Each structure stands twice: as C-alpha cells, then as structure tokens.
Amino acid sequence: MADNKVKLIIMGVGGALISPTKEDSKHIPEDNLKSIKKAMEHGIPCCIISGRFGDSSIKIAQKAGMEYAYAYN
C-alpha cells in the first residue's frame, strides 16, 4: 500500500508565492503565509525554488518562515 503522506512542499516565487505585480514583488499574501505556517505546524517542510539571486530568495523564504530556499541564476 502506498504512503500518500505529503513529505515536502516546494513552490515557485513569482506569481505563486508572492504578488505577481512588479510594484508589490516582495509581498507575500497573508493567505499564503497562513497556508505555509499550517503545513509546517503539521511537520511538512516547505521551501521555495527560484531563478532569483540567492540573497533575494533567502529573504523571501525567511519572510515566509521557511528554512529552505533553492536559488539558481
């Protein structure tokens, strides 16, 4: 029998985690923050993957309360 438990949530940044508009490109909507927090409270690690520069990706991950960010540019 397969174990269907979620083991990790990986999300993109632009248009997925943060606001898709350039003027608000560093704002994480409250609903997203709540969902990430809930997943982590249930023991599911969350991380972002991005083509943004490392420092920018790390700051976004920290703002969301995540420990992990993968950035490659």
PDB file of N, CA and C in Angstrom:
ATOM      1  N   MET A   1       0.831  -1.171   0.000  1.00  0.00           N
ATOM      2  CA  MET A   1       0.000   0.000   0.000  1.00  0.00           C
ATOM      3  C   MET A   1       0.884   1.245   0.000  1.00  0.00           C
ATOM      4  N   ALA A   2       0.554   2.209  -0.825  1.00  0.00           N
ATOM      5  CA  ALA A   2       1.357   3.423  -0.957  1.00  0.00           C
ATOM      6  C   ALA A   2       1.122   4.371   0.211  1.00  0.00           C
ATOM      7  N   ASP A   3       2.189   5.037   0.614  1.00  0.00           N
ATOM      8  CA  ASP A   3       2.108   6.062   1.648  1.00  0.00           C
ATOM      9  C   ASP A   3       1.853   7.394   0.948  1.00  0.00           C
ATOM     10  N   ASN A   4       0.649   7.937   1.080  1.00  0.00           N
ATOM     11  CA  ASN A   4       0.281   9.166   0.389  1.00  0.00           C
ATOM     12  C   ASN A   4       0.522  10.420   1.220  1.00  0.00           C
ATOM     13  N   LYS A   5       1.261  10.301   2.279  1.00  0.00           N
ATOM     14  CA  LYS A   5       1.539  11.450   3.133  1.00  0.00           C
ATOM     15  C   LYS A   5       2.437  12.457   2.385  1.00  0.00           C
ATOM     16  N   VAL A   6       2.094  13.736   2.495  1.00  0.00           N
ATOM     17  CA  VAL A   6       2.909  14.790   1.891  1.00  0.00           C
ATOM     18  C   VAL A   6       4.201  14.893   2.687  1.00  0.00           C
ATOM     19  N   LYS A   7       5.318  14.852   1.990  1.00  0.00           N
ATOM     20  CA  LYS A   7       6.619  14.869   2.654  1.00  0.00           C
ATOM     21  C   LYS A   7       7.346  16.200   2.513  1.00  0.00           C
ATOM     22  N   LEU A   8       6.997  16.973   1.491  1.00  0.00           N
ATOM     23  CA  LEU A   8       7.670  18.235   1.228  1.00  0.00           C
ATOM     24  C   LEU A   8       6.793  19.063   0.298  1.00  0.00           C
ATOM     25  N   ILE A   9       6.737  20.370   0.538  1.00  0.00           N
ATOM     26  CA  ILE A   9       6.051  21.293  -0.365  1.00  0.00           C
ATOM     27  C   ILE A   9       7.105  22.228  -0.945  1.00  0.00           C
ATOM     28  N   ILE A  10       7.195  22.239  -2.270  1.00  0.00           N
ATOM     29  CA  ILE A  10       8.122  23.112  -2.980  1.00  0.00           C
ATOM     30  C   ILE A  10       7.286  24.068  -3.825  1.00  0.00           C
ATOM     31  N   MET A  11       7.604  25.345  -3.740  1.00  0.00           N
ATOM     32  CA  MET A  11       6.823  26.316  -4.514  1.00  0.00           C
ATOM     33  C   MET A  11       7.732  27.316  -5.199  1.00  0.00           C
ATOM     34  N   GLY A  12       7.258  27.790  -6.340  1.00  0.00           N
ATOM     35  CA  GLY A  12       7.949  28.867  -7.035  1.00  0.00           C
ATOM     36  C   GLY A  12       7.674  30.187  -6.334  1.00  0.00           C
ATOM     37  N   VAL A  13       8.367  31.214  -6.759  1.00  0.00           N
ATOM     38  CA  VAL A  13       8.225  32.509  -6.101  1.00  0.00           C
ATOM     39  C   VAL A  13       7.302  33.430  -6.885  1.00  0.00           C
ATOM     40  N   GLY A  14       7.712  33.851  -8.054  1.00  0.00           N
ATOM     41  CA  GLY A  14       6.976  34.847  -8.830  1.00  0.00           C
ATOM     42  C   GLY A  14       5.612  34.368  -9.287  1.00  0.00           C
ATOM     43  N   GLY A  15       4.573  35.067  -8.852  1.00  0.00           N
ATOM     44  CA  GLY A  15       3.215  34.739  -9.259  1.00  0.00           C
ATOM     45  C   GLY A  15       2.617  33.554  -8.519  1.00  0.00           C
ATOM     46  N   ALA A  16       3.407  32.850  -7.754  1.00  0.00           N
ATOM     47  CA  ALA A  16       2.903  31.708  -6.982  1.00  0.00           C
ATOM     48  C   ALA A  16       2.910  32.065  -5.491  1.00  0.00           C
ATOM     49  N   LEU A  17       4.062  32.340  -4.961  1.00  0.00           N
ATOM     50  CA  LEU A  17       4.178  32.668  -3.536  1.00  0.00           C
ATOM     51  C   LEU A  17       3.957  34.156  -3.288  1.00  0.00           C
ATOM     52  N   ILE A  18       4.584  34.983  -4.112  1.00  0.00           N
ATOM     53  CA  ILE A  18       4.481  36.427  -3.910  1.00  0.00           C
ATOM     54  C   ILE A  18       3.566  37.049  -4.950  1.00  0.00           C
ATOM     55  N   SER A  19       3.248  38.290  -4.722  1.00  0.00           N
ATOM     56  CA  SER A  19       2.366  39.019  -5.630  1.00  0.00           C
ATOM     57  C   SER A  19       2.966  39.072  -7.034  1.00  0.00           C
ATOM     58  N   PRO A  20       2.136  38.845  -8.065  1.00  0.00           N
ATOM     59  CA  PRO A  20       2.658  38.854  -9.432  1.00  0.00           C
ATOM     60  C   PRO A  20       2.919  40.249 -10.000  1.00  0.00           C
ATOM     61  N   THR A  21       2.529  41.303  -9.288  1.00  0.00           N
ATOM     62  CA  THR A  21       2.742  42.647  -9.814  1.00  0.00           C
ATOM     63  C   THR A  21       4.111  43.169  -9.425  1.00  0.00           C
ATOM     64  N   LYS A  22       4.732  43.901 -10.347  1.00  0.00           N
ATOM     65  CA  LYS A  22       6.078  44.417 -10.105  1.00  0.00           C
ATOM     66  C   LYS A  22       6.121  45.368  -8.910  1.00  0.00           C
ATOM     67  N   GLU A  23       5.067  46.179  -8.739  1.00  0.00           N
ATOM     68  CA  GLU A  23       5.045  47.150  -7.647  1.00  0.00           C
ATOM     69  C   GLU A  23       5.043  46.470  -6.280  1.00  0.00           C
ATOM     70  N   ASP A  24       4.549  45.250  -6.229  1.00  0.00           N
ATOM     71  CA  ASP A  24       4.392  44.545  -4.958  1.00  0.00           C
ATOM     72  C   ASP A  24       5.155  43.224  -4.987  1.00  0.00           C
ATOM     73  N   SER A  25       6.305  43.214  -5.650  1.00  0.00           N
ATOM     74  CA  SER A  25       7.004  41.968  -5.946  1.00  0.00           C
ATOM     75  C   SER A  25       7.668  41.285  -4.749  1.00  0.00           C
ATOM     76  N   LYS A  26       7.599  41.890  -3.574  1.00  0.00           N
ATOM     77  CA  LYS A  26       8.182  41.252  -2.387  1.00  0.00           C
ATOM     78  C   LYS A  26       7.135  40.966  -1.319  1.00  0.00           C
ATOM     79  N   HIS A  27       5.870  41.202  -1.644  1.00  0.00           N
ATOM     80  CA  HIS A  27       4.785  40.988  -0.693  1.00  0.00           C
ATOM     81  C   HIS A  27       4.259  39.562  -0.789  1.00  0.00           C
ATOM     82  N   ILE A  28       4.208  38.883   0.340  1.00  0.00           N
ATOM     83  CA  ILE A  28       3.629  37.538   0.402  1.00  0.00           C
ATOM     84  C   ILE A  28       2.220  37.692   0.970  1.00  0.00           C
ATOM     85  N   PRO A  29       1.197  37.342   0.191  1.00  0.00           N
ATOM     86  CA  PRO A  29      -0.176  37.476   0.692  1.00  0.00           C
ATOM     87  C   PRO A  29      -0.390  36.693   1.993  1.00  0.00           C
ATOM     88  N   GLU A  30      -1.213  37.239   2.857  1.00  0.00           N
ATOM     89  CA  GLU A  30      -1.480  36.641   4.168  1.00  0.00           C
ATOM     90  C   GLU A  30      -1.995  35.205   4.052  1.00  0.00           C
ATOM     91  N   ASP A  31      -2.839  34.929   3.075  1.00  0.00           N
ATOM     92  CA  ASP A  31      -3.345  33.559   2.885  1.00  0.00           C
ATOM     93  C   ASP A  31      -2.208  32.577   2.621  1.00  0.00           C
ATOM     94  N   ASN A  32      -1.218  33.004   1.849  1.00  0.00           N
ATOM     95  CA  ASN A  32      -0.068  32.146   1.580  1.00  0.00           C
ATOM     96  C   ASN A  32       0.736  31.895   2.850  1.00  0.00           C
ATOM     97  N   LEU A  33       0.950  32.956   3.625  1.00  0.00           N
ATOM     98  CA  LEU A  33       1.687  32.800   4.881  1.00  0.00           C
ATOM     99  C   LEU A  33       0.978  31.842   5.835  1.00  0.00           C
ATOM    100  N   LYS A  34      -0.349  31.965   5.921  1.00  0.00           N
ATOM    101  CA  LYS A  34      -1.127  31.080   6.794  1.00  0.00           C
ATOM    102  C   LYS A  34      -1.021  29.629   6.334  1.00  0.00           C
ATOM    103  N   SER A  35      -1.097  29.400   5.034  1.00  0.00           N
ATOM    104  CA  SER A  35      -1.023  28.036   4.499  1.00  0.00           C
ATOM    105  C   SER A  35       0.345  27.411   4.749  1.00  0.00           C
ATOM    106  N   ILE A  36       1.391  28.192   4.569  1.00  0.00           N
ATOM    107  CA  ILE A  36       2.751  27.700   4.816  1.00  0.00           C
ATOM    108  C   ILE A  36       2.917  27.363   6.296  1.00  0.00           C
ATOM    109  N   LYS A  37       2.461  28.259   7.157  1.00  0.00           N
ATOM    110  CA  LYS A  37       2.570  28.027   8.603  1.00  0.00           C
ATOM    111  C   LYS A  37       1.814  26.761   9.010  1.00  0.00           C
ATOM    112  N   LYS A  38       0.618  26.576   8.462  1.00  0.00           N
ATOM    113  CA  LYS A  38      -0.184  25.395   8.790  1.00  0.00           C
ATOM    114  C   LYS A  38       0.525  24.112   8.357  1.00  0.00           C
ATOM    115  N   ALA A  39       1.081  24.120   7.154  1.00  0.00           N
ATOM    116  CA  ALA A  39       1.808  22.937   6.677  1.00  0.00           C
ATOM    117  C   ALA A  39       2.990  22.624   7.589  1.00  0.00           C
ATOM    118  N   MET A  40       3.752  23.653   7.959  1.00  0.00           N
ATOM    119  CA  MET A  40       4.918  23.437   8.816  1.00  0.00           C
ATOM    120  C   MET A  40       4.508  22.984  10.211  1.00  0.00           C
ATOM    121  N   GLU A  41       3.369  23.461  10.706  1.00  0.00           N
ATOM    122  CA  GLU A  41       2.860  23.001  12.008  1.00  0.00           C
ATOM    123  C   GLU A  41       2.513  21.519  11.978  1.00  0.00           C
ATOM    124  N   HIS A  42       2.176  21.023  10.791  1.00  0.00           N
ATOM    125  CA  HIS A  42       1.874  19.599  10.627  1.00  0.00           C
ATOM    126  C   HIS A  42       3.129  18.785  10.271  1.00  0.00           C
ATOM    127  N   GLY A  43       4.290  19.407  10.388  1.00  0.00           N
ATOM    128  CA  GLY A  43       5.548  18.707  10.164  1.00  0.00           C
ATOM    129  C   GLY A  43       5.952  18.578   8.708  1.00  0.00           C
ATOM    130  N   ILE A  44       5.331  19.357   7.825  1.00  0.00           N
ATOM    131  CA  ILE A  44       5.675  19.301   6.405  1.00  0.00           C
ATOM    132  C   ILE A  44       6.638  20.437   6.095  1.00  0.00           C
ATOM    133  N   PRO A  45       7.876  20.131   5.725  1.00  0.00           N
ATOM    134  CA  PRO A  45       8.808  21.199   5.371  1.00  0.00           C
ATOM    135  C   PRO A  45       8.372  21.885   4.080  1.00  0.00           C
ATOM    136  N   CYS A  46       8.586  23.185   4.028  1.00  0.00           N
ATOM    137  CA  CYS A  46       8.249  23.979   2.851  1.00  0.00           C
ATOM    138  C   CYS A  46       9.511  24.690   2.374  1.00  0.00           C
ATOM    139  N   CYS A  47       9.662  24.803   1.077  1.00  0.00           N
ATOM    140  CA  CYS A  47      10.797  25.539   0.538  1.00  0.00           C
ATOM    141  C   CYS A  47      10.411  26.196  -0.781  1.00  0.00           C
ATOM    142  N   ILE A  48      11.215  27.174  -1.170  1.00  0.00           N
ATOM    143  CA  ILE A  48      10.998  27.811  -2.450  1.00  0.00           C
ATOM    144  C   ILE A  48      12.111  27.406  -3.405  1.00  0.00           C
ATOM    145  N   ILE A  49      11.785  27.477  -4.671  1.00  0.00           N
ATOM    146  CA  ILE A  49      12.765  27.265  -5.723  1.00  0.00           C
ATOM    147  C   ILE A  49      12.620  28.450  -6.665  1.00  0.00           C
ATOM    148  N   SER A  50      13.732  29.032  -7.047  1.00  0.00           N
ATOM    149  CA  SER A  50      13.645  30.280  -7.793  1.00  0.00           C
ATOM    150  C   SER A  50      14.861  30.500  -8.675  1.00  0.00           C
ATOM    151  N   GLY A  51      14.649  31.267  -9.711  1.00  0.00           N
ATOM    152  CA  GLY A  51      15.738  31.724 -10.563  1.00  0.00           C
ATOM    153  C   GLY A  51      16.269  33.071 -10.096  1.00  0.00           C
ATOM    154  N   ARG A  52      15.721  33.587  -9.017  1.00  0.00           N
ATOM    155  CA  ARG A  52      16.205  34.853  -8.457  1.00  0.00           C
ATOM    156  C   ARG A  52      17.575  34.633  -7.815  1.00  0.00           C
ATOM    157  N   PHE A  53      18.265  35.722  -7.576  1.00  0.00           N
ATOM    158  CA  PHE A  53      19.553  35.620  -6.915  1.00  0.00           C
ATOM    159  C   PHE A  53      19.377  35.093  -5.496  1.00  0.00           C
ATOM    160  N   GLY A  54      20.381  34.417  -4.988  1.00  0.00           N
ATOM    161  CA  GLY A  54      20.319  33.741  -3.696  1.00  0.00           C
ATOM    162  C   GLY A  54      19.864  34.602  -2.548  1.00  0.00           C
ATOM    163  N   ASP A  55      20.445  35.805  -2.400  1.00  0.00           N
ATOM    164  CA  ASP A  55      20.075  36.675  -1.274  1.00  0.00           C
ATOM    165  C   ASP A  55      18.592  37.010  -1.290  1.00  0.00           C
ATOM    166  N   SER A  56      18.070  37.306  -2.462  1.00  0.00           N
ATOM    167  CA  SER A  56      16.649  37.642  -2.597  1.00  0.00           C
ATOM    168  C   SER A  56      15.772  36.447  -2.224  1.00  0.00           C
ATOM    169  N   SER A  57      16.135  35.273  -2.695  1.00  0.00           N
ATOM    170  CA  SER A  57      15.364  34.069  -2.400  1.00  0.00           C
ATOM    171  C   SER A  57      15.401  33.731  -0.916  1.00  0.00           C
ATOM    172  N   ILE A  58      16.546  33.892  -0.308  1.00  0.00           N
ATOM    173  CA  ILE A  58      16.686  33.601   1.122  1.00  0.00           C
ATOM    174  C   ILE A  58      15.815  34.556   1.940  1.00  0.00           C
ATOM    175  N   LYS A  59      15.801  35.830   1.588  1.00  0.00           N
ATOM    176  CA  LYS A  59      14.985  36.809   2.315  1.00  0.00           C
ATOM    177  C   LYS A  59      13.499  36.481   2.195  1.00  0.00           C
ATOM    178  N   ILE A  60      13.063  36.070   1.008  1.00  0.00           N
ATOM    179  CA  ILE A  60      11.666  35.706   0.809  1.00  0.00           C
ATOM    180  C   ILE A  60      11.319  34.471   1.633  1.00  0.00           C
ATOM    181  N   ALA A  61      12.198  33.470   1.620  1.00  0.00           N
ATOM    182  CA  ALA A  61      11.960  32.254   2.408  1.00  0.00           C
ATOM    183  C   ALA A  61      11.893  32.583   3.899  1.00  0.00           C
ATOM    184  N   GLN A  62      12.787  33.425   4.375  1.00  0.00           N
ATOM    185  CA  GLN A  62      12.784  33.803   5.784  1.00  0.00           C
ATOM    186  C   GLN A  62      11.510  34.565   6.147  1.00  0.00           C
ATOM    187  N   LYS A  63      11.065  35.437   5.249  1.00  0.00           N
ATOM    188  CA  LYS A  63       9.838  36.200   5.493  1.00  0.00           C
ATOM    189  C   LYS A  63       8.642  35.262   5.648  1.00  0.00           C
ATOM    190  N   ALA A  64       8.680  34.130   4.928  1.00  0.00           N
ATOM    191  CA  ALA A  64       7.597  33.148   4.995  1.00  0.00           C
ATOM    192  C   ALA A  64       7.802  32.150   6.123  1.00  0.00           C
ATOM    193  N   GLY A  65       8.913  32.257   6.849  1.00  0.00           N
ATOM    194  CA  GLY A  65       9.178  31.352   7.959  1.00  0.00           C
ATOM    195  C   GLY A  65       9.778  30.026   7.531  1.00  0.00           C
ATOM    196  N   MET A  66      10.269  29.959   6.305  1.00  0.00           N
ATOM    197  CA  MET A  66      10.853  28.713   5.791  1.00  0.00           C
ATOM    198  C   MET A  66      12.339  28.635   6.121  1.00  0.00           C
ATOM    199  N   GLU A  67      12.813  27.406   6.237  1.00  0.00           N
ATOM    200  CA  GLU A  67      14.233  27.184   6.484  1.00  0.00           C
ATOM    201  C   GLU A  67      15.011  26.933   5.200  1.00  0.00           C
ATOM    202  N   TYR A  68      14.302  26.657   4.115  1.00  0.00           N
ATOM    203  CA  TYR A  68      14.959  26.210   2.896  1.00  0.00           C
ATOM    204  C   TYR A  68      14.625  27.099   1.703  1.00  0.00           C
ATOM    205  N   ALA A  69      15.630  27.353   0.872  1.00  0.00           N
ATOM    206  CA  ALA A  69      15.436  28.058  -0.386  1.00  0.00           C
ATOM    207  C   ALA A  69      16.476  27.522  -1.372  1.00  0.00           C
ATOM    208  N   TYR A  70      16.062  27.252  -2.588  1.00  0.00           N
ATOM    209  CA  TYR A  70      16.979  26.834  -3.630  1.00  0.00           C
ATOM    210  C   TYR A  70      16.917  27.879  -4.723  1.00  0.00           C
ATOM    211  N   ALA A  71      18.023  28.526  -4.971  1.00  0.00           N
ATOM    212  CA  ALA A  71      18.061  29.563  -5.996  1.00  0.00           C
ATOM    213  C   ALA A  71      19.204  29.263  -6.957  1.00  0.00           C
ATOM    214  N   TYR A  72      18.930  29.435  -8.223  1.00  0.00           N
ATOM    215  CA  TYR A  72      19.962  29.220  -9.219  1.00  0.00           C
ATOM    216  C   TYR A  72      19.806  30.276 -10.302  1.00  0.00           C
ATOM    217  N   ASN A  73      20.841  31.068 -10.478  1.00  0.00           N
ATOM    218  CA  ASN A  73      20.822  32.077 -11.518  1.00  0.00           C
ATOM    219  C   ASN A  73      22.229  32.300 -12.014  1.00  0.00           C
TER     220      ASN A  73
END
